[in-house]
């Protein structure tokens, strides 16, 4: 991830019943270490070679604010 353009992160969790939680992580608390690169898509994929990323929230879980 070379662009370093971060967007606010809203994470909504539910247990499928009545328990719900919403967490918020503003852009100024995000860092490069919280993003892990994905494996590139296969040559047969519609967007072959696209890589993307996944969030590693273990690096920032103490910074996230619970809203609900």
C-alpha atoms as a PDB file:
ATOM      1  CA  UNK A   1       0.000   0.000   0.000  1.00  0.00           C
ATOM      2  CA  UNK A   2       1.882   3.003  -1.243  1.00  0.00           C
ATOM      3  CA  UNK A   3      -0.804   5.667  -1.457  1.00  0.00           C
ATOM      4  CA  UNK A   4      -1.281   6.161   2.308  1.00  0.00           C
ATOM      5  CA  UNK A   5      -4.797   7.499   1.810  1.00  0.00           C
ATOM      6  CA  UNK A   6      -6.847   6.409   4.796  1.00  0.00           C
ATOM      7  CA  UNK A   7     -10.609   6.581   5.296  1.00  0.00           C
ATOM      8  CA  UNK A   8     -12.523   6.390   8.586  1.00  0.00           C
ATOM      9  CA  UNK A   9     -13.260   2.781   9.492  1.00  0.00           C
ATOM     10  CA  UNK A  10     -16.653   1.744  10.877  1.00  0.00           C
ATOM     11  CA  UNK A  11     -16.838  -1.873  12.002  1.00  0.00           C
ATOM     12  CA  UNK A  12     -20.282  -3.352  12.713  1.00  0.00           C
ATOM     13  CA  UNK A  13     -20.434  -6.624  14.634  1.00  0.00           C
ATOM     14  CA  UNK A  14     -23.516  -8.730  15.348  1.00  0.00           C
ATOM     15  CA  UNK A  15     -24.160 -12.183  16.749  1.00  0.00           C
ATOM     16  CA  UNK A  16     -27.230 -12.676  14.533  1.00  0.00           C
ATOM     17  CA  UNK A  17     -29.614 -12.185  17.442  1.00  0.00           C
ATOM     18  CA  UNK A  18     -29.815  -9.055  19.593  1.00  0.00           C
ATOM     19  CA  UNK A  19     -26.175  -8.299  20.370  1.00  0.00           C
ATOM     20  CA  UNK A  20     -24.723  -5.536  18.202  1.00  0.00           C
ATOM     21  CA  UNK A  21     -21.628  -3.352  18.405  1.00  0.00           C
ATOM     22  CA  UNK A  22     -20.310  -0.526  16.247  1.00  0.00           C
ATOM     23  CA  UNK A  23     -16.654   0.498  16.446  1.00  0.00           C
ATOM     24  CA  UNK A  24     -15.041   3.566  14.889  1.00  0.00           C
ATOM     25  CA  UNK A  25     -11.409   4.220  13.984  1.00  0.00           C
ATOM     26  CA  UNK A  26     -10.666   7.723  12.674  1.00  0.00           C
ATOM     27  CA  UNK A  27      -8.119   8.263   9.934  1.00  0.00           C
ATOM     28  CA  UNK A  28      -5.580  10.006  12.154  1.00  0.00           C
ATOM     29  CA  UNK A  29      -5.209   6.862  14.323  1.00  0.00           C
ATOM     30  CA  UNK A  30      -4.632   4.502  11.382  1.00  0.00           C
ATOM     31  CA  UNK A  31      -1.151   3.429  10.321  1.00  0.00           C
ATOM     32  CA  UNK A  32       0.451   1.281   7.640  1.00  0.00           C
ATOM     33  CA  UNK A  33       1.027  -1.611  10.048  1.00  0.00           C
ATOM     34  CA  UNK A  34      -2.710  -2.309  10.287  1.00  0.00           C
ATOM     35  CA  UNK A  35      -2.931  -3.287   6.589  1.00  0.00           C
ATOM     36  CA  UNK A  36      -1.715  -6.682   5.338  1.00  0.00           C
ATOM     37  CA  UNK A  37      -1.359  -7.423   1.641  1.00  0.00           C
ATOM     38  CA  UNK A  38      -3.590 -10.102   0.152  1.00  0.00           C
ATOM     39  CA  UNK A  39      -2.479 -12.781  -2.232  1.00  0.00           C
ATOM     40  CA  UNK A  40      -2.864 -11.453  -5.815  1.00  0.00           C
ATOM     41  CA  UNK A  41      -5.887 -12.749  -7.731  1.00  0.00           C
ATOM     42  CA  UNK A  42      -5.281 -15.635 -10.108  1.00  0.00           C
ATOM     43  CA  UNK A  43      -4.671 -15.108 -13.843  1.00  0.00           C
ATOM     44  CA  UNK A  44      -8.204 -16.421 -14.531  1.00  0.00           C
ATOM     45  CA  UNK A  45      -9.889 -13.792 -12.334  1.00  0.00           C
ATOM     46  CA  UNK A  46     -11.759 -10.856 -13.824  1.00  0.00           C
ATOM     47  CA  UNK A  47      -9.215  -8.467 -12.269  1.00  0.00           C
ATOM     48  CA  UNK A  48      -6.185 -10.724 -12.567  1.00  0.00           C
ATOM     49  CA  UNK A  49      -3.208  -9.657 -10.513  1.00  0.00           C
ATOM     50  CA  UNK A  50      -5.189  -7.294  -8.281  1.00  0.00           C
ATOM     51  CA  UNK A  51      -3.853  -7.577  -4.758  1.00  0.00           C
ATOM     52  CA  UNK A  52      -5.775  -5.481  -2.243  1.00  0.00           C
ATOM     53  CA  UNK A  53      -5.377  -5.745   1.532  1.00  0.00           C
ATOM     54  CA  UNK A  54      -6.960  -7.011   4.737  1.00  0.00           C
ATOM     55  CA  UNK A  55      -7.193  -5.167   8.052  1.00  0.00           C
ATOM     56  CA  UNK A  56      -5.059  -6.420  10.946  1.00  0.00           C
ATOM     57  CA  UNK A  57      -7.015  -4.897  13.818  1.00  0.00           C
ATOM     58  CA  UNK A  58      -4.797  -6.453  16.491  1.00  0.00           C
ATOM     59  CA  UNK A  59      -2.466  -3.482  15.938  1.00  0.00           C
ATOM     60  CA  UNK A  60      -5.143  -0.858  16.691  1.00  0.00           C
ATOM     61  CA  UNK A  61      -7.916  -2.515  18.729  1.00  0.00           C
ATOM     62  CA  UNK A  62      -7.124  -0.404  21.802  1.00  0.00           C
ATOM     63  CA  UNK A  63      -7.591   2.767  19.686  1.00  0.00           C
ATOM     64  CA  UNK A  64     -11.067   1.921  18.362  1.00  0.00           C
ATOM     65  CA  UNK A  65     -14.006   3.698  19.998  1.00  0.00           C
ATOM     66  CA  UNK A  66     -17.170   1.699  20.629  1.00  0.00           C
ATOM     67  CA  UNK A  67     -20.211   3.712  19.526  1.00  0.00           C
ATOM     68  CA  UNK A  68     -23.024   1.236  20.221  1.00  0.00           C
END
